[in-house]
Amino acid sequence: MLGGLFKRMNESINVRTIQTLGNLKNAFIGFSVETQESLIAIENELRRTMDWLKGEVDVRHRHIMRCRDEVDFASRALRECEAQEDDDYVPDCRAEIYELQEARRSLRHAEDELKIARLWFSKIQKAIQQFGTHVRRLKDLATDRTESAKAFLDRATSDLERYLGIPTPTTETSVPLIDAFPTRATTTTASTQTGIANLSGKTSGQWVERGVVEIDVANLPMPEDISKDLDFQKVPMDEMKAGLKMLQEMLPIIESGVGASKEYWAKRDNELGLDYPNGYLRIYEAFYGHDAIRVEKSGNNYDIVNGRHRIWLAKQMGIGKLPVSLVELESKP
């Protein structure tokens, strides 16, 4: 009796440890995303600063061109005035001389301002380039160290999952946990009646990973403990609904093979100027990564291991198919 109690306590402790590791990985992911967004904002601000400085140089250059035109105009006026001189008449050209002197003074002042503007442009451009190098290093550091930390946490989680007999996903990617360790919804109790236990018990067959495959939503059980938007605690229902709509847009591209990689959607987000929280990459990772919808199949019956909220909402939206990470029980002959 005590042995069974300690076993259950040990499993409970390890499940809480897995949840803690998941939360820690989420924190690393959040740090990485926020750091990337902050650094992108800094880079954008630096580009705006450089554009403003270039604009200031251009303004002063145009001012010089106007000053030169004024010098040429004043010079012609003085020459025309002096050309009126003859033996009986000496024109008064003091006004023209004054205008030419003022035009030349304005030109010298404009040339000095342009030199200063170009000097500062060069200095600030150099400083921004150096700062940009630091920004890129910090961005690489945040990405590389975060990826290393996530890889370590994934290995630790996998070890604990194997210890508990929980099947591990076929792909490991960095995605927010949406439905970690949910209560299962099942279509029937036939598996128990035939002697086939769930993940924590013994089986009369072998569980086989099928990878991420598309399954008709109608064949999946309806989670009974979800009925309204208030049941969506970790991810708001509106946000999850928007993600499912984006997924429907993405599926034809993914099915064609063109969009069957994280790199494709990362590039797509970059081209469209979308950050990670609002981009396609997040949706791709949520449905094809570590937190993919996870179901077990025994015969014609499905058990939901992860993704209850997404399945419930997909049924409400009338979505036909969803990608799920499938593990299937192959009965022994």
C-alpha atoms as a PDB file:
ATOM      1  CA  MET A   1       0.000   0.000   0.000  1.00  0.00           C
ATOM      2  CA  LEU A   2       2.775   2.416   0.954  1.00  0.00           C
ATOM      3  CA  GLY A   3       4.657   1.425  -2.196  1.00  0.00           C
ATOM      4  CA  GLY A   4       1.671   2.418  -4.333  1.00  0.00           C
ATOM      5  CA  LEU A   5       1.293   5.683  -2.452  1.00  0.00           C
ATOM      6  CA  PHE A   6       4.953   6.594  -2.979  1.00  0.00           C
ATOM      7  CA  LYS A   7       4.666   5.640  -6.641  1.00  0.00           C
ATOM      8  CA  ARG A   8       1.681   7.958  -7.132  1.00  0.00           C
ATOM      9  CA  MET A   9       3.458  10.741  -5.234  1.00  0.00           C
ATOM     10  CA  ASN A  10       6.549  10.257  -7.383  1.00  0.00           C
ATOM     11  CA  GLU A  11       4.500  10.454 -10.592  1.00  0.00           C
ATOM     12  CA  SER A  12       2.714  13.544  -9.302  1.00  0.00           C
ATOM     13  CA  ILE A  13       6.003  15.225  -8.463  1.00  0.00           C
ATOM     14  CA  ASN A  14       7.397  14.435 -11.906  1.00  0.00           C
ATOM     15  CA  VAL A  15       4.264  15.725 -13.644  1.00  0.00           C
ATOM     16  CA  ARG A  16       4.586  18.984 -11.702  1.00  0.00           C
ATOM     17  CA  THR A  17       8.276  19.032 -12.670  1.00  0.00           C
ATOM     18  CA  ILE A  18       7.353  18.673 -16.334  1.00  0.00           C
ATOM     19  CA  GLN A  19       4.866  21.523 -15.978  1.00  0.00           C
ATOM     20  CA  THR A  20       7.529  23.632 -14.283  1.00  0.00           C
ATOM     21  CA  LEU A  21       9.993  22.877 -17.075  1.00  0.00           C
ATOM     22  CA  GLY A  22       7.327  23.841 -19.596  1.00  0.00           C
ATOM     23  CA  ASN A  23       6.699  27.117 -17.790  1.00  0.00           C
ATOM     24  CA  LEU A  24      10.439  27.790 -17.677  1.00  0.00           C
ATOM     25  CA  LYS A  25      10.761  27.124 -21.386  1.00  0.00           C
ATOM     26  CA  ASN A  26       7.845  29.479 -22.017  1.00  0.00           C
ATOM     27  CA  ALA A  27       9.707  32.135 -20.041  1.00  0.00           C
ATOM     28  CA  PHE A  28      12.772  31.662 -22.247  1.00  0.00           C
ATOM     29  CA  ILE A  29      10.591  31.837 -25.347  1.00  0.00           C
ATOM     30  CA  GLY A  30       8.933  35.017 -24.063  1.00  0.00           C
ATOM     31  CA  PHE A  31      12.320  36.554 -23.309  1.00  0.00           C
ATOM     32  CA  SER A  32      13.582  35.691 -26.776  1.00  0.00           C
ATOM     33  CA  VAL A  33      10.489  37.091 -28.511  1.00  0.00           C
ATOM     34  CA  GLU A  34      10.458  40.298 -26.441  1.00  0.00           C
ATOM     35  CA  THR A  35      14.198  40.773 -26.957  1.00  0.00           C
ATOM     36  CA  GLN A  36      13.871  40.283 -30.697  1.00  0.00           C
ATOM     37  CA  GLU A  37      10.977  42.741 -30.881  1.00  0.00           C
ATOM     38  CA  SER A  38      12.869  45.342 -28.809  1.00  0.00           C
ATOM     39  CA  LEU A  39      15.990  45.019 -30.941  1.00  0.00           C
ATOM     40  CA  ILE A  40      13.965  45.273 -34.141  1.00  0.00           C
ATOM     41  CA  ALA A  41      12.359  48.453 -32.753  1.00  0.00           C
ATOM     42  CA  ILE A  42      15.835  49.850 -31.986  1.00  0.00           C
ATOM     43  CA  GLU A  43      17.064  49.021 -35.477  1.00  0.00           C
ATOM     44  CA  ASN A  44      14.005  50.711 -36.998  1.00  0.00           C
ATOM     45  CA  GLU A  45      14.633  53.812 -34.879  1.00  0.00           C
ATOM     46  CA  LEU A  46      18.273  53.892 -35.998  1.00  0.00           C
ATOM     47  CA  ARG A  47      17.186  53.702 -39.631  1.00  0.00           C
ATOM     48  CA  ARG A  48      14.748  56.572 -39.056  1.00  0.00           C
ATOM     49  CA  THR A  49      17.551  58.601 -37.456  1.00  0.00           C
ATOM     50  CA  MET A  50      19.821  57.996 -40.446  1.00  0.00           C
ATOM     51  CA  ASP A  51      17.032  58.959 -42.845  1.00  0.00           C
ATOM     52  CA  TRP A  52      16.463  62.178 -40.876  1.00  0.00           C
ATOM     53  CA  LEU A  53      20.183  63.050 -40.965  1.00  0.00           C
ATOM     54  CA  LYS A  54      20.348  62.369 -44.680  1.00  0.00           C
ATOM     55  CA  GLY A  55      17.333  64.615 -45.123  1.00  0.00           C
ATOM     56  CA  GLU A  56      19.091  67.405 -43.197  1.00  0.00           C
ATOM     57  CA  VAL A  57      22.152  67.130 -45.458  1.00  0.00           C
ATOM     58  CA  ASP A  58      19.927  67.254 -48.538  1.00  0.00           C
ATOM     59  CA  VAL A  59      18.121  70.356 -47.207  1.00  0.00           C
ATOM     60  CA  ARG A  60      21.427  72.186 -46.698  1.00  0.00           C
ATOM     61  CA  HIS A  61      22.679  71.145 -50.105  1.00  0.00           C
ATOM     62  CA  ARG A  62      19.540  72.594 -51.747  1.00  0.00           C
ATOM     63  CA  HIS A  63      20.017  75.775 -49.691  1.00  0.00           C
ATOM     64  CA  ILE A  64      23.539  76.125 -51.115  1.00  0.00           C
ATOM     65  CA  MET A  65      22.197  75.810 -54.644  1.00  0.00           C
ATOM     66  CA  ARG A  66      19.716  78.636 -53.961  1.00  0.00           C
ATOM     67  CA  CYS A  67      22.498  80.789 -52.468  1.00  0.00           C
ATOM     68  CA  ARG A  68      24.637  80.262 -55.549  1.00  0.00           C
ATOM     69  CA  ASP A  69      21.761  81.328 -57.750  1.00  0.00           C
ATOM     70  CA  GLU A  70      21.413  84.482 -55.641  1.00  0.00           C
ATOM     71  CA  VAL A  71      25.158  85.200 -56.021  1.00  0.00           C
ATOM     72  CA  ASP A  72      24.906  84.799 -59.795  1.00  0.00           C
ATOM     73  CA  PHE A  73      21.855  87.080 -59.903  1.00  0.00           C
ATOM     74  CA  ALA A  74      23.582  89.764 -57.766  1.00  0.00           C
ATOM     75  CA  SER A  75      26.746  89.517 -59.890  1.00  0.00           C
ATOM     76  CA  ARG A  76      24.778  90.086 -63.101  1.00  0.00           C
ATOM     77  CA  ALA A  77      22.968  93.061 -61.543  1.00  0.00           C
ATOM     78  CA  LEU A  78      26.281  94.636 -60.527  1.00  0.00           C
ATOM     79  CA  ARG A  79      27.784  94.115 -63.973  1.00  0.00           C
ATOM     80  CA  GLU A  80      24.719  95.687 -65.632  1.00  0.00           C
ATOM     81  CA  CYS A  81      24.950  98.661 -63.279  1.00  0.00           C
ATOM     82  CA  GLU A  82      28.685  99.162 -63.938  1.00  0.00           C
ATOM     83  CA  ALA A  83      28.114  98.822 -67.708  1.00  0.00           C
ATOM     84  CA  GLN A  84      26.138 102.085 -67.643  1.00  0.00           C
ATOM     85  CA  GLU A  85      29.295 104.101 -66.896  1.00  0.00           C
ATOM     86  CA  ASP A  86      30.607 106.468 -69.641  1.00  0.00           C
ATOM     87  CA  ASP A  87      32.516 109.741 -69.857  1.00  0.00           C
ATOM     88  CA  ASP A  88      29.585 111.848 -68.670  1.00  0.00           C
ATOM     89  CA  TYR A  89      27.910 109.417 -66.217  1.00  0.00           C
ATOM     90  CA  VAL A  90      29.058 107.295 -63.245  1.00  0.00           C
ATOM     91  CA  PRO A  91      26.225 105.093 -61.922  1.00  0.00           C
ATOM     92  CA  ASP A  92      25.657 104.544 -58.207  1.00  0.00           C
ATOM     93  CA  CYS A  93      26.064 100.760 -57.786  1.00  0.00           C
ATOM     94  CA  ARG A  94      26.350 100.661 -54.004  1.00  0.00           C
ATOM     95  CA  ALA A  95      23.046  98.755 -53.613  1.00  0.00           C
ATOM     96  CA  GLU A  96      24.159  96.117 -56.113  1.00  0.00           C
ATOM     97  CA  ILE A  97      27.530  95.774 -54.360  1.00  0.00           C
ATOM     98  CA  TYR A  98      25.769  95.329 -51.006  1.00  0.00           C
ATOM     99  CA  GLU A  99      23.407  92.692 -52.437  1.00  0.00           C
ATOM    100  CA  LEU A 100      26.338  90.769 -53.879  1.00  0.00           C
ATOM    101  CA  GLN A 101      28.223  90.894 -50.583  1.00  0.00           C
ATOM    102  CA  GLU A 102      25.159  89.627 -48.689  1.00  0.00           C
ATOM    103  CA  ALA A 103      24.604  86.847 -51.236  1.00  0.00           C
ATOM    104  CA  ARG A 104      28.223  85.720 -50.917  1.00  0.00           C
ATOM    105  CA  ARG A 105      27.997  85.872 -47.104  1.00  0.00           C
ATOM    106  CA  SER A 106      24.866  83.703 -47.180  1.00  0.00           C
ATOM    107  CA  LEU A 107      26.612  81.235 -49.509  1.00  0.00           C
ATOM    108  CA  ARG A 108      29.621  80.913 -47.180  1.00  0.00           C
ATOM    109  CA  HIS A 109      27.291  80.382 -44.205  1.00  0.00           C
ATOM    110  CA  ALA A 110      25.323  77.704 -46.097  1.00  0.00           C
ATOM    111  CA  GLU A 111      28.584  75.971 -47.108  1.00  0.00           C
ATOM    112  CA  ASP A 112      29.728  75.945 -43.475  1.00  0.00           C
ATOM    113  CA  GLU A 113      26.390  74.469 -42.373  1.00  0.00           C
ATOM    114  CA  LEU A 114      26.654  71.745 -45.030  1.00  0.00           C
ATOM    115  CA  LYS A 115      30.175  70.858 -43.885  1.00  0.00           C
ATOM    116  CA  ILE A 116      28.957  70.560 -40.282  1.00  0.00           C
ATOM    117  CA  ALA A 117      25.933  68.507 -41.307  1.00  0.00           C
ATOM    118  CA  ARG A 118      28.094  66.138 -43.365  1.00  0.00           C
ATOM    119  CA  LEU A 119      30.591  65.839 -40.505  1.00  0.00           C
ATOM    120  CA  TRP A 120      27.872  64.918 -38.019  1.00  0.00           C
ATOM    121  CA  PHE A 121      26.252  62.576 -40.516  1.00  0.00           C
ATOM    122  CA  SER A 122      29.547  60.732 -40.914  1.00  0.00           C
ATOM    123  CA  LYS A 123      30.172  60.551 -37.148  1.00  0.00           C
ATOM    124  CA  ILE A 124      26.655  59.426 -36.278  1.00  0.00           C
ATOM    125  CA  GLN A 125      26.608  56.969 -39.166  1.00  0.00           C
ATOM    126  CA  LYS A 126      29.784  55.382 -37.808  1.00  0.00           C
ATOM    127  CA  ALA A 127      28.370  55.310 -34.264  1.00  0.00           C
ATOM    128  CA  ILE A 128      25.112  53.761 -35.471  1.00  0.00           C
ATOM    129  CA  GLN A 129      27.003  51.134 -37.458  1.00  0.00           C
ATOM    130  CA  GLN A 130      29.001  50.213 -34.354  1.00  0.00           C
ATOM    131  CA  PHE A 131      25.840  50.160 -32.240  1.00  0.00           C
ATOM    132  CA  GLY A 132      24.113  48.068 -34.900  1.00  0.00           C
ATOM    133  CA  THR A 133      26.910  45.507 -34.565  1.00  0.00           C
ATOM    134  CA  HIS A 134      26.221  45.295 -30.832  1.00  0.00           C
ATOM    135  CA  VAL A 135      22.496  44.961 -31.507  1.00  0.00           C
ATOM    136  CA  ARG A 136      23.080  42.059 -33.920  1.00  0.00           C
ATOM    137  CA  ARG A 137      25.377  40.366 -31.410  1.00  0.00           C
ATOM    138  CA  LEU A 138      22.772  40.744 -28.672  1.00  0.00           C
ATOM    139  CA  LYS A 139      20.097  39.397 -31.003  1.00  0.00           C
ATOM    140  CA  ASP A 140      22.261  36.374 -31.867  1.00  0.00           C
ATOM    141  CA  LEU A 141      23.053  35.879 -28.185  1.00  0.00           C
ATOM    142  CA  ALA A 142      19.391  35.973 -27.208  1.00  0.00           C
ATOM    143  CA  THR A 143      18.513  33.517 -29.969  1.00  0.00           C
ATOM    144  CA  ASP A 144      21.430  31.105 -29.523  1.00  0.00           C
ATOM    145  CA  ARG A 145      21.349  30.994 -25.729  1.00  0.00           C
ATOM    146  CA  THR A 146      17.571  30.697 -25.693  1.00  0.00           C
ATOM    147  CA  GLU A 147      17.693  27.854 -28.213  1.00  0.00           C
ATOM    148  CA  SER A 148      20.334  26.088 -26.089  1.00  0.00           C
ATOM    149  CA  ALA A 149      18.226  26.517 -22.957  1.00  0.00           C
ATOM    150  CA  LYS A 150      15.094  25.256 -24.735  1.00  0.00           C
ATOM    151  CA  ALA A 151      16.985  22.243 -26.104  1.00  0.00           C
ATOM    152  CA  PHE A 152      18.185  21.400 -22.593  1.00  0.00           C
ATOM    153  CA  LEU A 153      14.663  21.742 -21.175  1.00  0.00           C
ATOM    154  CA  ASP A 154      13.253  19.612 -23.998  1.00  0.00           C
ATOM    155  CA  ARG A 155      15.756  16.869 -23.179  1.00  0.00           C
ATOM    156  CA  ALA A 156      14.914  17.056 -19.485  1.00  0.00           C
ATOM    157  CA  THR A 157      11.185  16.968 -20.245  1.00  0.00           C
ATOM    158  CA  SER A 158      11.618  14.011 -22.600  1.00  0.00           C
ATOM    159  CA  ASP A 159      13.527  12.088 -19.931  1.00  0.00           C
ATOM    160  CA  LEU A 160      10.746  12.654 -17.405  1.00  0.00           C
ATOM    161  CA  GLU A 161       8.056  11.797 -19.941  1.00  0.00           C
ATOM    162  CA  ARG A 162       9.798   8.532 -20.786  1.00  0.00           C
ATOM    163  CA  TYR A 163      10.073   7.791 -17.082  1.00  0.00           C
ATOM    164  CA  LEU A 164       6.303   8.249 -16.731  1.00  0.00           C
ATOM    165  CA  GLY A 165       5.528   6.401 -19.962  1.00  0.00           C
ATOM    166  CA  ILE A 166       4.178   9.513 -21.724  1.00  0.00           C
ATOM    167  CA  PRO A 167       4.807   9.397 -25.511  1.00  0.00           C
ATOM    168  CA  THR A 168       7.051  12.237 -26.646  1.00  0.00           C
ATOM    169  CA  PRO A 169       6.289  14.324 -29.758  1.00  0.00           C
ATOM    170  CA  THR A 170       8.116  13.510 -32.989  1.00  0.00           C
ATOM    171  CA  THR A 171       9.247  17.086 -33.510  1.00  0.00           C
ATOM    172  CA  GLU A 172      10.556  19.557 -30.983  1.00  0.00           C
ATOM    173  CA  THR A 173      10.044  23.214 -31.686  1.00  0.00           C
ATOM    174  CA  SER A 174       9.757  26.328 -29.591  1.00  0.00           C
ATOM    175  CA  VAL A 175       6.060  27.114 -29.182  1.00  0.00           C
ATOM    176  CA  PRO A 176       3.892  28.450 -26.388  1.00  0.00           C
ATOM    177  CA  LEU A 177       2.148  25.729 -24.409  1.00  0.00           C
ATOM    178  CA  ILE A 178      -1.587  26.073 -25.042  1.00  0.00           C
ATOM    179  CA  ASP A 179      -3.103  22.982 -23.402  1.00  0.00           C
ATOM    180  CA  ALA A 180      -0.351  21.440 -21.286  1.00  0.00           C
ATOM    181  CA  PHE A 181      -1.344  18.258 -19.438  1.00  0.00           C
ATOM    182  CA  PRO A 182      -5.122  18.533 -19.970  1.00  0.00           C
ATOM    183  CA  THR A 183      -7.827  16.233 -18.712  1.00  0.00           C
ATOM    184  CA  ARG A 184      -8.683  13.855 -21.532  1.00  0.00           C
ATOM    185  CA  ALA A 185     -11.912  13.741 -23.473  1.00  0.00           C
ATOM    186  CA  THR A 186     -12.725  10.318 -24.929  1.00  0.00           C
ATOM    187  CA  THR A 187     -15.265   8.984 -27.383  1.00  0.00           C
ATOM    188  CA  THR A 188     -15.825   5.734 -25.527  1.00  0.00           C
ATOM    189  CA  THR A 189     -14.615   3.549 -22.713  1.00  0.00           C
ATOM    190  CA  ALA A 190     -14.068   0.616 -25.080  1.00  0.00           C
ATOM    191  CA  SER A 191     -10.317   0.782 -24.576  1.00  0.00           C
ATOM    192  CA  THR A 192     -10.692   0.038 -20.872  1.00  0.00           C
ATOM    193  CA  GLN A 193     -13.202  -2.720 -21.529  1.00  0.00           C
ATOM    194  CA  THR A 194     -10.851  -4.542 -23.892  1.00  0.00           C
ATOM    195  CA  GLY A 195      -7.985  -4.340 -21.464  1.00  0.00           C
ATOM    196  CA  ILE A 196      -6.147  -1.549 -23.297  1.00  0.00           C
ATOM    197  CA  ALA A 197      -5.042   1.006 -20.720  1.00  0.00           C
ATOM    198  CA  ASN A 198      -4.169   4.654 -21.190  1.00  0.00           C
ATOM    199  CA  LEU A 199      -0.640   6.055 -21.322  1.00  0.00           C
ATOM    200  CA  SER A 200       0.182   5.384 -17.677  1.00  0.00           C
ATOM    201  CA  GLY A 201      -0.872   1.716 -17.742  1.00  0.00           C
ATOM    202  CA  LYS A 202       0.013  -1.524 -19.465  1.00  0.00           C
ATOM    203  CA  THR A 203      -1.155  -2.222 -22.984  1.00  0.00           C
ATOM    204  CA  SER A 204      -1.895  -5.305 -25.025  1.00  0.00           C
ATOM    205  CA  GLY A 205      -0.278  -3.739 -28.066  1.00  0.00           C
ATOM    206  CA  GLN A 206       2.335  -1.213 -29.064  1.00  0.00           C
ATOM    207  CA  TRP A 207       1.914   2.545 -29.383  1.00  0.00           C
ATOM    208  CA  VAL A 208       3.284   3.782 -32.711  1.00  0.00           C
ATOM    209  CA  GLU A 209       4.012   7.390 -33.569  1.00  0.00           C
ATOM    210  CA  ARG A 210       2.360   8.449 -36.848  1.00  0.00           C
ATOM    211  CA  GLY A 211       3.714  11.993 -36.828  1.00  0.00           C
ATOM    212  CA  VAL A 212       1.527  14.994 -37.636  1.00  0.00           C
ATOM    213  CA  VAL A 213      -1.375  13.949 -39.867  1.00  0.00           C
ATOM    214  CA  GLU A 214      -4.688  15.506 -40.849  1.00  0.00           C
ATOM    215  CA  ILE A 215      -7.773  14.092 -39.141  1.00  0.00           C
ATOM    216  CA  ASP A 216     -11.442  14.851 -39.696  1.00  0.00           C
ATOM    217  CA  VAL A 217     -12.586  17.032 -36.823  1.00  0.00           C
ATOM    218  CA  ALA A 218     -15.933  15.207 -36.804  1.00  0.00           C
ATOM    219  CA  ASN A 219     -14.141  11.994 -35.772  1.00  0.00           C
ATOM    220  CA  LEU A 220     -12.625  13.600 -32.682  1.00  0.00           C
ATOM    221  CA  PRO A 221     -14.535  13.633 -29.383  1.00  0.00           C
ATOM    222  CA  MET A 222     -16.168  16.824 -28.152  1.00  0.00           C
ATOM    223  CA  PRO A 223     -14.453  17.995 -24.927  1.00  0.00           C
ATOM    224  CA  GLU A 224     -17.248  18.075 -22.366  1.00  0.00           C
ATOM    225  CA  ASP A 225     -15.689  20.528 -19.900  1.00  0.00           C
ATOM    226  CA  ILE A 226     -15.613  23.450 -22.371  1.00  0.00           C
ATOM    227  CA  SER A 227     -18.753  25.410 -23.144  1.00  0.00           C
ATOM    228  CA  LYS A 228     -17.978  29.128 -23.295  1.00  0.00           C
ATOM    229  CA  ASP A 229     -15.234  31.711 -23.805  1.00  0.00           C
ATOM    230  CA  LEU A 230     -14.553  31.918 -20.055  1.00  0.00           C
ATOM    231  CA  ASP A 231     -13.178  28.371 -20.225  1.00  0.00           C
ATOM    232  CA  PHE A 232     -10.287  29.692 -22.318  1.00  0.00           C
ATOM    233  CA  GLN A 233      -7.823  30.741 -19.621  1.00  0.00           C
ATOM    234  CA  LYS A 234      -4.367  30.397 -21.172  1.00  0.00           C
ATOM    235  CA  VAL A 235      -5.237  31.684 -24.636  1.00  0.00           C
ATOM    236  CA  PRO A 236      -8.339  33.875 -25.183  1.00  0.00           C
ATOM    237  CA  MET A 237     -10.962  32.322 -27.432  1.00  0.00           C
ATOM    238  CA  ASP A 238     -10.832  35.199 -29.949  1.00  0.00           C
ATOM    239  CA  GLU A 239      -7.071  34.822 -30.268  1.00  0.00           C
ATOM    240  CA  MET A 240      -7.343  31.053 -30.735  1.00  0.00           C
ATOM    241  CA  LYS A 241     -10.127  31.537 -33.285  1.00  0.00           C
ATOM    242  CA  ALA A 242      -7.926  33.919 -35.276  1.00  0.00           C
ATOM    243  CA  GLY A 243      -5.153  31.320 -35.180  1.00  0.00           C
ATOM    244  CA  LEU A 244      -7.451  28.597 -36.522  1.00  0.00           C
ATOM    245  CA  LYS A 245      -8.539  30.898 -39.349  1.00  0.00           C
ATOM    246  CA  MET A 246      -4.903  31.580 -40.237  1.00  0.00           C
ATOM    247  CA  LEU A 247      -4.235  27.832 -40.188  1.00  0.00           C
ATOM    248  CA  GLN A 248      -6.989  27.243 -42.783  1.00  0.00           C
ATOM    249  CA  GLU A 249      -5.267  29.801 -44.997  1.00  0.00           C
ATOM    250  CA  MET A 250      -1.930  28.044 -44.509  1.00  0.00           C
ATOM    251  CA  LEU A 251      -3.007  24.416 -44.952  1.00  0.00           C
ATOM    252  CA  PRO A 252      -3.081  24.328 -48.786  1.00  0.00           C
ATOM    253  CA  ILE A 253       0.458  25.724 -48.881  1.00  0.00           C
ATOM    254  CA  ILE A 254       1.631  23.264 -46.224  1.00  0.00           C
ATOM    255  CA  GLU A 255      -0.038  20.313 -47.970  1.00  0.00           C
ATOM    256  CA  SER A 256       1.655  21.247 -51.258  1.00  0.00           C
ATOM    257  CA  GLY A 257       5.029  20.855 -49.544  1.00  0.00           C
ATOM    258  CA  VAL A 258       6.056  24.438 -50.254  1.00  0.00           C
ATOM    259  CA  GLY A 259       5.155  25.641 -46.759  1.00  0.00           C
ATOM    260  CA  ALA A 260       6.112  22.491 -44.845  1.00  0.00           C
ATOM    261  CA  SER A 261       8.910  24.159 -42.870  1.00  0.00           C
ATOM    262  CA  LYS A 262       9.422  26.824 -40.216  1.00  0.00           C
ATOM    263  CA  GLU A 263      11.833  28.644 -42.505  1.00  0.00           C
ATOM    264  CA  TYR A 264       9.115  29.286 -45.107  1.00  0.00           C
ATOM    265  CA  TRP A 265       6.759  30.917 -42.605  1.00  0.00           C
ATOM    266  CA  ALA A 266       9.539  32.870 -40.910  1.00  0.00           C
ATOM    267  CA  LYS A 267      10.423  34.316 -44.324  1.00  0.00           C
ATOM    268  CA  ARG A 268       6.739  35.017 -45.022  1.00  0.00           C
ATOM    269  CA  ASP A 269       6.406  36.918 -41.720  1.00  0.00           C
ATOM    270  CA  ASN A 270       9.528  38.925 -42.520  1.00  0.00           C
ATOM    271  CA  GLU A 271       8.226  39.863 -45.973  1.00  0.00           C
ATOM    272  CA  LEU A 272       4.881  40.970 -44.523  1.00  0.00           C
ATOM    273  CA  GLY A 273       6.439  42.775 -41.552  1.00  0.00           C
ATOM    274  CA  LEU A 274       4.676  40.526 -39.017  1.00  0.00           C
ATOM    275  CA  ASP A 275       6.143  39.982 -35.558  1.00  0.00           C
ATOM    276  CA  TYR A 276       6.127  36.510 -33.988  1.00  0.00           C
ATOM    277  CA  PRO A 277       2.975  36.913 -31.829  1.00  0.00           C
ATOM    278  CA  ASN A 278       0.960  37.993 -34.899  1.00  0.00           C
ATOM    279  CA  GLY A 279       2.711  35.974 -37.571  1.00  0.00           C
ATOM    280  CA  TYR A 280       2.324  32.729 -39.462  1.00  0.00           C
ATOM    281  CA  LEU A 281       5.373  31.086 -37.866  1.00  0.00           C
ATOM    282  CA  ARG A 282       3.672  31.026 -34.460  1.00  0.00           C
ATOM    283  CA  ILE A 283       0.636  29.266 -35.944  1.00  0.00           C
ATOM    284  CA  TYR A 284       2.811  26.762 -37.804  1.00  0.00           C
ATOM    285  CA  GLU A 285       4.729  25.898 -34.644  1.00  0.00           C
ATOM    286  CA  ALA A 286       1.557  25.691 -32.564  1.00  0.00           C
ATOM    287  CA  PHE A 287       0.089  22.989 -34.852  1.00  0.00           C
ATOM    288  CA  TYR A 288       3.221  21.230 -36.114  1.00  0.00           C
ATOM    289  CA  GLY A 289       5.618  21.671 -33.201  1.00  0.00           C
ATOM    290  CA  HIS A 290       6.030  20.565 -29.604  1.00  0.00           C
ATOM    291  CA  ASP A 291       2.542  21.719 -28.607  1.00  0.00           C
ATOM    292  CA  ALA A 292       0.702  20.219 -31.563  1.00  0.00           C
ATOM    293  CA  ILE A 293      -2.740  18.791 -30.956  1.00  0.00           C
ATOM    294  CA  ARG A 294      -2.021  15.330 -29.598  1.00  0.00           C
ATOM    295  CA  VAL A 295      -4.406  12.365 -29.850  1.00  0.00           C
ATOM    296  CA  GLU A 296      -4.265   8.611 -29.256  1.00  0.00           C
ATOM    297  CA  LYS A 297      -6.100   6.239 -31.543  1.00  0.00           C
ATOM    298  CA  SER A 298      -7.206   2.773 -30.510  1.00  0.00           C
ATOM    299  CA  GLY A 299      -9.278   1.112 -33.187  1.00  0.00           C
ATOM    300  CA  ASN A 300     -11.815   3.758 -34.234  1.00  0.00           C
ATOM    301  CA  ASN A 301     -11.670   5.597 -30.921  1.00  0.00           C
ATOM    302  CA  TYR A 302      -9.685   8.741 -30.237  1.00  0.00           C
ATOM    303  CA  ASP A 303      -8.453  10.111 -26.908  1.00  0.00           C
ATOM    304  CA  ILE A 304      -7.406  13.764 -26.740  1.00  0.00           C
ATOM    305  CA  VAL A 305      -4.081  14.174 -24.963  1.00  0.00           C
ATOM    306  CA  ASN A 306      -3.428  17.820 -25.839  1.00  0.00           C
ATOM    307  CA  GLY A 307      -5.381  20.522 -27.682  1.00  0.00           C
ATOM    308  CA  ARG A 308      -8.858  20.161 -26.214  1.00  0.00           C
ATOM    309  CA  HIS A 309      -9.638  23.883 -26.572  1.00  0.00           C
ATOM    310  CA  ARG A 310      -8.518  23.985 -30.204  1.00  0.00           C
ATOM    311  CA  ILE A 311     -10.585  20.909 -31.069  1.00  0.00           C
ATOM    312  CA  TRP A 312     -13.679  22.266 -29.292  1.00  0.00           C
ATOM    313  CA  LEU A 313     -13.379  25.612 -31.066  1.00  0.00           C
ATOM    314  CA  ALA A 314     -12.714  23.976 -34.455  1.00  0.00           C
ATOM    315  CA  LYS A 315     -15.947  22.025 -34.073  1.00  0.00           C
ATOM    316  CA  GLN A 316     -17.805  25.233 -33.219  1.00  0.00           C
ATOM    317  CA  MET A 317     -16.338  26.939 -36.310  1.00  0.00           C
ATOM    318  CA  GLY A 318     -17.232  24.048 -38.607  1.00  0.00           C
ATOM    319  CA  ILE A 319     -13.631  23.334 -39.576  1.00  0.00           C
ATOM    320  CA  GLY A 320     -13.293  20.063 -41.494  1.00  0.00           C
ATOM    321  CA  LYS A 321      -9.750  18.887 -40.784  1.00  0.00           C
ATOM    322  CA  LEU A 322      -6.950  19.639 -38.338  1.00  0.00           C
ATOM    323  CA  PRO A 323      -3.313  18.564 -38.215  1.00  0.00           C
ATOM    324  CA  VAL A 324      -2.717  16.440 -35.117  1.00  0.00           C
ATOM    325  CA  SER A 325       0.218  14.522 -33.694  1.00  0.00           C
ATOM    326  CA  LEU A 326      -1.124  10.955 -33.743  1.00  0.00           C
ATOM    327  CA  VAL A 327       0.001   7.964 -31.701  1.00  0.00           C
ATOM    328  CA  GLU A 328      -1.848   4.767 -32.611  1.00  0.00           C
ATOM    329  CA  LEU A 329      -2.160   1.497 -30.797  1.00  0.00           C
ATOM    330  CA  GLU A 330      -1.180  -1.454 -32.946  1.00  0.00           C
ATOM    331  CA  SER A 331      -2.675  -4.534 -31.362  1.00  0.00           C
ATOM    332  CA  LYS A 332      -0.560  -7.620 -31.077  1.00  0.00           C
ATOM    333  CA  PRO A 333      -1.775 -10.464 -33.270  1.00  0.00           C
END
